[in-house]
C-alpha cells in the first residue's frame, strides 16, 4: 500500500501565497482605474469651467476627459483625413498642402497622470502583499 505524503508546511505557505490576495488585487486595480478616470474628468471639467477652451460644451468636456484618461496610458491616436482642410482654409495661409490625404498617428502620454496611476498601483500592490502575508522574500518568488 502506497503512503500518501502530506505536504510540507513550506509548500502550503507557498501555495497560499499564490492564491490569496486576488480579490484585493482586482479591487485595487478597479479602484485605480476609477481614480484615474475621475482625475482626468475633473481636469477636463476644470478647463471647461475656467473657459480655457472656448466653445466647448459640457458633453465635449466629458469626451475630452476620456481622451485625457487614454493619454495617461500612452495610447496612439490615429488621424485619417482623405481630403485635408483646416477650418477657415487656414492651410492656404500656412502654406500647407490642401486636399491631400493625411494618415498620421500621434502617441504621447501626460506624465502627471501616468505618475498618479503608478503611485496608486504601488499602493494597491502593497495592500495585496499585506493580505498575502509572509516574509518579503517569499512574496517575490514565482
N, C-alpha and C. Protein backbone atom coordinates (compact mmCIF):
# COMPACT_ATOMS: atom_id res chain seq x y z
N UNK A 1 0.83 -1.17 0.00
CA UNK A 1 0.00 0.00 0.00
C UNK A 1 0.88 1.24 0.00
N UNK A 2 0.52 2.14 -0.86
CA UNK A 2 1.32 3.36 -1.02
C UNK A 2 0.89 4.39 0.01
N UNK A 3 1.90 4.99 0.61
CA UNK A 3 1.61 6.01 1.60
C UNK A 3 1.43 7.35 0.93
N UNK A 4 0.45 8.09 1.39
CA UNK A 4 0.23 9.43 0.89
C UNK A 4 1.02 10.38 1.76
N UNK A 5 1.90 11.10 1.09
CA UNK A 5 2.76 12.03 1.81
C UNK A 5 2.03 13.35 1.99
N UNK A 6 2.01 13.84 3.20
CA UNK A 6 1.38 15.13 3.47
C UNK A 6 2.31 16.24 3.02
N UNK A 7 1.75 17.30 2.46
CA UNK A 7 2.60 18.40 2.01
C UNK A 7 3.34 19.04 3.18
N UNK A 8 4.52 19.49 2.86
CA UNK A 8 5.31 20.17 3.89
C UNK A 8 4.69 21.52 4.18
N UNK A 9 4.92 22.05 5.37
CA UNK A 9 4.37 23.37 5.70
C UNK A 9 4.83 24.46 4.75
N UNK A 10 6.06 24.34 4.23
CA UNK A 10 6.56 25.36 3.32
C UNK A 10 5.77 25.35 2.01
N UNK A 11 5.44 24.15 1.50
CA UNK A 11 4.65 24.06 0.28
C UNK A 11 3.26 24.66 0.47
N UNK A 12 2.67 24.42 1.64
CA UNK A 12 1.35 25.01 1.93
C UNK A 12 1.42 26.53 1.95
N UNK A 13 2.46 27.08 2.57
CA UNK A 13 2.56 28.54 2.65
C UNK A 13 2.82 29.14 1.26
N UNK A 14 3.62 28.44 0.42
CA UNK A 14 3.87 28.94 -0.93
C UNK A 14 2.60 28.88 -1.77
N UNK A 15 1.81 27.81 -1.63
CA UNK A 15 0.57 27.69 -2.36
C UNK A 15 -0.41 28.77 -1.91
N UNK A 16 -0.45 29.04 -0.63
CA UNK A 16 -1.33 30.07 -0.11
C UNK A 16 -0.94 31.44 -0.64
N UNK A 17 0.36 31.70 -0.78
CA UNK A 17 0.81 32.98 -1.31
C UNK A 17 0.37 33.18 -2.76
N UNK A 18 0.23 32.08 -3.51
CA UNK A 18 -0.20 32.19 -4.91
C UNK A 18 -1.70 32.41 -5.03
N UNK A 19 -2.47 31.95 -4.07
CA UNK A 19 -3.92 32.03 -4.20
C UNK A 19 -4.55 33.18 -3.42
N UNK A 20 -3.92 33.64 -2.38
CA UNK A 20 -4.51 34.69 -1.56
C UNK A 20 -4.24 36.06 -2.17
N UNK A 21 -5.11 36.99 -1.98
CA UNK A 21 -4.88 38.35 -2.42
C UNK A 21 -5.46 38.72 -3.76
N UNK A 22 -6.09 37.76 -4.46
CA UNK A 22 -6.63 38.08 -5.78
C UNK A 22 -7.80 39.05 -5.68
N UNK A 23 -8.64 38.89 -4.69
CA UNK A 23 -9.75 39.83 -4.52
C UNK A 23 -9.25 41.23 -4.24
N UNK A 24 -8.22 41.33 -3.41
CA UNK A 24 -7.62 42.62 -3.11
C UNK A 24 -6.98 43.22 -4.36
N UNK A 25 -6.34 42.38 -5.17
CA UNK A 25 -5.68 42.87 -6.38
C UNK A 25 -6.69 43.39 -7.40
N UNK A 26 -7.76 42.64 -7.62
CA UNK A 26 -8.77 43.06 -8.59
C UNK A 26 -9.47 44.33 -8.10
N UNK A 27 -9.81 44.36 -6.81
CA UNK A 27 -10.44 45.56 -6.25
C UNK A 27 -9.53 46.77 -6.33
N UNK A 28 -8.23 46.57 -6.05
CA UNK A 28 -7.27 47.68 -6.13
C UNK A 28 -7.10 48.19 -7.55
N UNK A 29 -7.06 47.27 -8.52
CA UNK A 29 -6.93 47.68 -9.92
C UNK A 29 -8.16 48.46 -10.39
N UNK A 30 -9.34 47.99 -9.99
CA UNK A 30 -10.57 48.71 -10.36
C UNK A 30 -10.59 50.10 -9.73
N UNK A 31 -10.15 50.19 -8.47
CA UNK A 31 -10.11 51.50 -7.80
C UNK A 31 -9.14 52.45 -8.49
N UNK A 32 -8.01 51.93 -8.97
CA UNK A 32 -7.03 52.76 -9.68
C UNK A 32 -7.62 53.26 -10.99
N UNK A 33 -8.30 52.41 -11.73
CA UNK A 33 -8.92 52.83 -13.00
C UNK A 33 -9.95 53.93 -12.73
N UNK A 34 -10.78 53.73 -11.72
CA UNK A 34 -11.80 54.73 -11.41
C UNK A 34 -11.18 56.04 -10.94
N UNK A 35 -10.12 55.97 -10.13
CA UNK A 35 -9.47 57.19 -9.65
C UNK A 35 -8.80 57.95 -10.80
N UNK A 36 -8.15 57.22 -11.71
CA UNK A 36 -7.51 57.88 -12.87
C UNK A 36 -8.56 58.51 -13.78
N UNK A 37 -9.67 57.81 -13.99
CA UNK A 37 -10.74 58.37 -14.83
C UNK A 37 -11.35 59.60 -14.16
N UNK A 38 -11.53 59.55 -12.86
CA UNK A 38 -12.08 60.70 -12.14
C UNK A 38 -11.13 61.90 -12.22
N UNK A 39 -9.83 61.64 -12.09
CA UNK A 39 -8.85 62.74 -12.18
C UNK A 39 -8.86 63.36 -13.58
N UNK A 40 -8.95 62.54 -14.61
CA UNK A 40 -8.97 63.05 -15.98
C UNK A 40 -10.25 63.85 -16.23
N UNK A 41 -11.38 63.33 -15.79
CA UNK A 41 -12.64 64.06 -15.97
C UNK A 41 -12.63 65.37 -15.19
N UNK A 42 -12.10 65.34 -13.97
CA UNK A 42 -12.04 66.57 -13.17
C UNK A 42 -11.19 67.63 -13.86
N UNK A 43 -10.06 67.22 -14.43
CA UNK A 43 -9.20 68.16 -15.14
C UNK A 43 -9.93 68.74 -16.36
N UNK A 44 -10.62 67.89 -17.09
CA UNK A 44 -11.36 68.37 -18.27
C UNK A 44 -12.46 69.35 -17.87
N UNK A 45 -13.17 69.07 -16.79
CA UNK A 45 -14.23 69.98 -16.37
C UNK A 45 -13.68 71.25 -15.72
N UNK A 46 -12.48 71.19 -15.14
CA UNK A 46 -11.84 72.42 -14.67
C UNK A 46 -11.49 73.32 -15.85
N UNK A 47 -10.99 72.73 -16.92
CA UNK A 47 -10.70 73.50 -18.13
C UNK A 47 -11.99 74.09 -18.71
N UNK A 48 -13.05 73.29 -18.68
CA UNK A 48 -14.34 73.76 -19.18
C UNK A 48 -14.89 74.88 -18.30
N UNK A 49 -14.84 74.69 -16.98
CA UNK A 49 -15.36 75.69 -16.04
C UNK A 49 -14.58 76.99 -16.07
N UNK A 50 -13.27 76.89 -16.32
CA UNK A 50 -12.44 78.09 -16.41
C UNK A 50 -12.49 78.75 -17.77
N UNK A 51 -13.30 78.20 -18.65
CA UNK A 51 -13.47 78.73 -20.01
C UNK A 51 -12.13 78.86 -20.75
N UNK A 52 -11.24 77.89 -20.50
CA UNK A 52 -9.96 77.90 -21.18
C UNK A 52 -10.05 77.35 -22.60
N UNK A 53 -11.11 76.62 -22.87
CA UNK A 53 -11.34 76.08 -24.21
C UNK A 53 -12.66 76.66 -24.72
N UNK A 54 -12.63 77.84 -25.34
CA UNK A 54 -13.88 78.48 -25.76
C UNK A 54 -14.66 77.62 -26.73
N UNK A 55 -15.97 77.65 -26.58
CA UNK A 55 -16.84 76.90 -27.48
C UNK A 55 -17.01 75.44 -27.10
N UNK A 56 -16.45 75.03 -25.98
CA UNK A 56 -16.56 73.64 -25.55
C UNK A 56 -17.82 73.47 -24.72
N UNK A 57 -18.59 72.45 -25.02
CA UNK A 57 -19.80 72.17 -24.25
C UNK A 57 -19.46 71.19 -23.13
N UNK A 58 -20.40 70.97 -22.21
CA UNK A 58 -20.19 70.01 -21.13
C UNK A 58 -20.01 68.60 -21.68
N UNK A 59 -20.75 68.26 -22.72
CA UNK A 59 -20.61 66.93 -23.33
C UNK A 59 -19.22 66.76 -23.93
N UNK A 60 -18.72 67.82 -24.60
CA UNK A 60 -17.37 67.74 -25.15
C UNK A 60 -16.32 67.68 -24.05
N UNK A 61 -16.56 68.37 -22.94
CA UNK A 61 -15.62 68.30 -21.81
C UNK A 61 -15.55 66.88 -21.27
N UNK A 62 -16.69 66.19 -21.20
CA UNK A 62 -16.70 64.79 -20.75
C UNK A 62 -15.91 63.92 -21.72
N UNK A 63 -16.08 64.15 -23.01
CA UNK A 63 -15.31 63.39 -24.01
C UNK A 63 -13.82 63.68 -23.89
N UNK A 64 -13.48 64.94 -23.66
CA UNK A 64 -12.07 65.31 -23.52
C UNK A 64 -11.47 64.69 -22.26
N UNK A 65 -12.29 64.52 -21.22
CA UNK A 65 -11.81 63.83 -20.02
C UNK A 65 -11.40 62.40 -20.32
N UNK A 66 -12.22 61.71 -21.14
CA UNK A 66 -11.85 60.35 -21.53
C UNK A 66 -10.60 60.34 -22.41
N UNK A 67 -10.47 61.35 -23.24
CA UNK A 67 -9.25 61.45 -24.05
C UNK A 67 -8.02 61.60 -23.14
N UNK A 68 -8.14 62.44 -22.11
CA UNK A 68 -7.03 62.59 -21.15
C UNK A 68 -6.74 61.26 -20.46
N UNK A 69 -7.78 60.53 -20.09
CA UNK A 69 -7.59 59.22 -19.45
C UNK A 69 -6.80 58.29 -20.36
N UNK A 70 -7.14 58.27 -21.64
CA UNK A 70 -6.39 57.44 -22.58
C UNK A 70 -4.95 57.92 -22.70
N UNK A 71 -4.75 59.22 -22.69
CA UNK A 71 -3.40 59.76 -22.84
C UNK A 71 -2.54 59.48 -21.61
N UNK A 72 -3.17 59.22 -20.45
CA UNK A 72 -2.39 58.82 -19.28
C UNK A 72 -1.64 57.52 -19.56
N UNK A 73 -2.17 56.73 -20.48
CA UNK A 73 -1.63 55.40 -20.72
C UNK A 73 -0.93 55.27 -22.07
N UNK A 74 -0.56 56.38 -22.65
CA UNK A 74 0.23 56.42 -23.88
C UNK A 74 -0.45 55.65 -25.01
N UNK A 75 -1.64 56.03 -25.31
CA UNK A 75 -2.39 55.41 -26.39
C UNK A 75 -2.16 56.21 -27.66
N UNK A 76 -1.85 55.54 -28.74
CA UNK A 76 -1.69 56.22 -30.01
C UNK A 76 -3.05 56.61 -30.58
N UNK A 77 -3.16 57.82 -31.06
CA UNK A 77 -4.39 58.29 -31.69
C UNK A 77 -4.12 58.43 -33.17
N UNK A 78 -4.91 57.71 -33.97
CA UNK A 78 -4.70 57.73 -35.41
C UNK A 78 -5.65 58.74 -36.06
N UNK A 79 -5.08 59.56 -36.91
CA UNK A 79 -5.83 60.59 -37.62
C UNK A 79 -5.83 60.24 -39.11
N UNK A 80 -7.03 60.11 -39.67
CA UNK A 80 -7.16 59.83 -41.09
C UNK A 80 -8.02 60.93 -41.71
N UNK A 81 -7.52 61.54 -42.75
CA UNK A 81 -8.29 62.57 -43.45
C UNK A 81 -8.10 62.35 -44.94
N UNK A 82 -9.14 61.88 -45.62
CA UNK A 82 -8.99 61.64 -47.05
C UNK A 82 -8.87 62.94 -47.86
N UNK A 83 -9.34 64.05 -47.30
CA UNK A 83 -9.31 65.32 -48.02
C UNK A 83 -9.01 66.42 -47.00
N UNK A 84 -7.73 66.70 -46.76
CA UNK A 84 -7.29 67.60 -45.69
C UNK A 84 -7.67 69.06 -45.95
N UNK A 85 -8.43 69.62 -44.99
CA UNK A 85 -8.76 71.05 -44.98
C UNK A 85 -8.82 71.51 -43.54
N UNK A 86 -8.19 72.62 -43.22
CA UNK A 86 -8.30 73.23 -41.90
C UNK A 86 -9.46 74.20 -41.90
N UNK A 87 -10.01 74.50 -40.69
CA UNK A 87 -11.11 75.47 -40.64
C UNK A 87 -10.69 76.82 -41.20
N UNK A 88 -11.58 77.46 -41.91
CA UNK A 88 -11.29 78.79 -42.46
C UNK A 88 -10.21 78.79 -43.52
N UNK A 89 -9.98 77.62 -44.11
CA UNK A 89 -8.95 77.48 -45.16
C UNK A 89 -7.58 77.93 -44.66
N UNK A 90 -7.30 77.66 -43.39
CA UNK A 90 -6.03 78.07 -42.78
C UNK A 90 -4.83 77.37 -43.41
N UNK A 91 -5.07 76.25 -44.07
CA UNK A 91 -3.93 75.55 -44.69
C UNK A 91 -3.31 76.38 -45.81
N UNK A 92 -4.11 77.20 -46.48
CA UNK A 92 -3.54 78.03 -47.54
C UNK A 92 -2.71 79.16 -46.95
N UNK A 93 -3.13 79.70 -45.79
CA UNK A 93 -2.35 80.74 -45.12
C UNK A 93 -1.03 80.18 -44.59
N UNK A 94 -1.10 78.95 -44.07
CA UNK A 94 0.10 78.31 -43.52
C UNK A 94 0.94 77.63 -44.59
N UNK A 95 0.53 77.73 -45.83
CA UNK A 95 1.23 77.12 -46.97
C UNK A 95 1.34 75.60 -46.82
N UNK A 96 0.27 75.00 -46.30
CA UNK A 96 0.21 73.55 -46.20
C UNK A 96 -0.52 73.00 -47.41
N UNK A 97 -0.22 71.79 -47.80
CA UNK A 97 -0.93 71.22 -48.95
C UNK A 97 -2.41 71.04 -48.62
N UNK A 98 -3.26 71.39 -49.56
CA UNK A 98 -4.70 71.32 -49.36
C UNK A 98 -5.29 70.21 -50.21
N UNK A 99 -6.30 69.51 -49.64
CA UNK A 99 -6.99 68.48 -50.40
C UNK A 99 -6.23 67.18 -50.51
N UNK A 100 -5.14 67.01 -49.78
CA UNK A 100 -4.37 65.77 -49.85
C UNK A 100 -4.83 64.81 -48.75
N UNK A 101 -4.48 63.57 -48.90
CA UNK A 101 -4.83 62.55 -47.92
C UNK A 101 -3.79 62.56 -46.79
N UNK A 102 -4.28 62.51 -45.54
CA UNK A 102 -3.40 62.51 -44.37
C UNK A 102 -3.66 61.24 -43.58
N UNK A 103 -2.61 60.57 -43.17
CA UNK A 103 -2.69 59.39 -42.31
C UNK A 103 -1.56 59.54 -41.30
N UNK A 104 -1.90 59.80 -40.05
CA UNK A 104 -0.88 60.04 -39.03
C UNK A 104 -1.29 59.40 -37.71
N UNK A 105 -0.31 59.03 -36.91
CA UNK A 105 -0.55 58.51 -35.57
C UNK A 105 0.23 59.38 -34.59
N UNK A 106 -0.48 59.91 -33.61
CA UNK A 106 0.15 60.70 -32.56
C UNK A 106 0.09 59.89 -31.27
N UNK A 107 1.24 59.66 -30.67
CA UNK A 107 1.29 58.89 -29.43
C UNK A 107 2.14 59.66 -28.42
N UNK A 108 1.52 60.04 -27.33
CA UNK A 108 2.23 60.72 -26.26
C UNK A 108 1.48 60.47 -24.96
N UNK A 109 2.12 60.74 -23.85
CA UNK A 109 1.50 60.50 -22.55
C UNK A 109 1.57 61.75 -21.70
N UNK A 110 0.54 61.96 -20.89
CA UNK A 110 0.59 63.00 -19.89
C UNK A 110 1.23 62.39 -18.66
N UNK A 111 2.49 62.74 -18.42
CA UNK A 111 3.27 62.06 -17.40
C UNK A 111 2.72 62.28 -15.99
N UNK A 112 2.06 63.38 -15.74
CA UNK A 112 1.46 63.58 -14.42
C UNK A 112 0.40 62.54 -14.13
N UNK A 113 -0.45 62.27 -15.11
CA UNK A 113 -1.47 61.24 -14.95
C UNK A 113 -0.86 59.85 -14.86
N UNK A 114 0.18 59.60 -15.64
CA UNK A 114 0.85 58.31 -15.58
C UNK A 114 1.51 58.12 -14.22
N UNK A 115 2.12 59.16 -13.68
CA UNK A 115 2.74 59.07 -12.35
C UNK A 115 1.67 58.80 -11.29
N UNK A 116 0.51 59.43 -11.42
CA UNK A 116 -0.60 59.18 -10.48
C UNK A 116 -1.01 57.71 -10.53
N UNK A 117 -1.15 57.16 -11.73
CA UNK A 117 -1.55 55.76 -11.88
C UNK A 117 -0.49 54.83 -11.28
N UNK A 118 0.79 55.10 -11.51
CA UNK A 118 1.86 54.27 -10.95
C UNK A 118 1.82 54.31 -9.43
N UNK A 119 1.65 55.50 -8.86
CA UNK A 119 1.60 55.65 -7.41
C UNK A 119 0.42 54.88 -6.82
N UNK A 120 -0.75 54.99 -7.46
CA UNK A 120 -1.93 54.26 -6.98
C UNK A 120 -1.75 52.75 -7.12
N UNK A 121 -1.13 52.30 -8.20
CA UNK A 121 -0.89 50.87 -8.37
C UNK A 121 0.12 50.34 -7.35
N UNK A 122 1.11 51.14 -6.99
CA UNK A 122 2.07 50.72 -5.97
C UNK A 122 1.37 50.54 -4.62
N UNK A 123 0.46 51.44 -4.30
CA UNK A 123 -0.30 51.30 -3.06
C UNK A 123 -1.18 50.06 -3.07
N UNK A 124 -1.81 49.78 -4.23
CA UNK A 124 -2.66 48.59 -4.35
C UNK A 124 -1.80 47.33 -4.23
N UNK A 125 -0.62 47.35 -4.80
CA UNK A 125 0.29 46.20 -4.68
C UNK A 125 0.73 45.98 -3.24
N UNK A 126 0.95 47.06 -2.52
CA UNK A 126 1.33 46.95 -1.11
C UNK A 126 0.19 46.29 -0.31
N UNK A 127 -1.06 46.67 -0.61
CA UNK A 127 -2.19 46.05 0.09
C UNK A 127 -2.32 44.57 -0.25
N UNK A 128 -2.02 44.19 -1.48
CA UNK A 128 -2.05 42.77 -1.86
C UNK A 128 -0.98 42.01 -1.09
N UNK A 129 0.22 42.58 -0.99
CA UNK A 129 1.30 41.91 -0.26
C UNK A 129 0.95 41.76 1.21
N UNK A 130 0.32 42.77 1.79
CA UNK A 130 -0.09 42.67 3.20
C UNK A 130 -1.16 41.60 3.38
N UNK A 131 -2.06 41.47 2.42
CA UNK A 131 -3.11 40.46 2.50
C UNK A 131 -2.52 39.06 2.38
N UNK A 132 -1.47 38.92 1.56
CA UNK A 132 -0.83 37.62 1.36
C UNK A 132 -0.04 37.20 2.58
N UNK A 133 0.51 38.18 3.30
CA UNK A 133 1.33 37.88 4.47
C UNK A 133 2.66 37.26 4.07
N UNK A 134 3.31 36.68 5.00
CA UNK A 134 4.61 36.08 4.73
C UNK A 134 5.71 37.11 4.69
N UNK A 135 6.93 36.61 4.61
CA UNK A 135 8.09 37.49 4.56
C UNK A 135 8.29 37.98 3.13
N UNK A 136 8.89 39.16 2.95
CA UNK A 136 9.09 39.71 1.59
C UNK A 136 9.78 38.76 0.61
N UNK A 137 10.83 38.00 1.01
CA UNK A 137 11.43 37.09 0.01
C UNK A 137 10.44 36.03 -0.48
N UNK A 138 9.57 35.56 0.40
CA UNK A 138 8.59 34.55 -0.02
C UNK A 138 7.54 35.14 -0.94
N UNK A 139 7.21 36.42 -0.75
CA UNK A 139 6.21 37.07 -1.60
C UNK A 139 6.71 37.23 -3.03
N UNK A 140 8.01 37.39 -3.20
CA UNK A 140 8.56 37.70 -4.51
C UNK A 140 8.89 36.48 -5.34
N UNK A 141 8.81 35.29 -4.77
CA UNK A 141 9.14 34.08 -5.53
C UNK A 141 8.04 33.75 -6.52
N UNK A 142 8.45 33.30 -7.72
CA UNK A 142 7.44 32.90 -8.71
C UNK A 142 6.73 31.61 -8.34
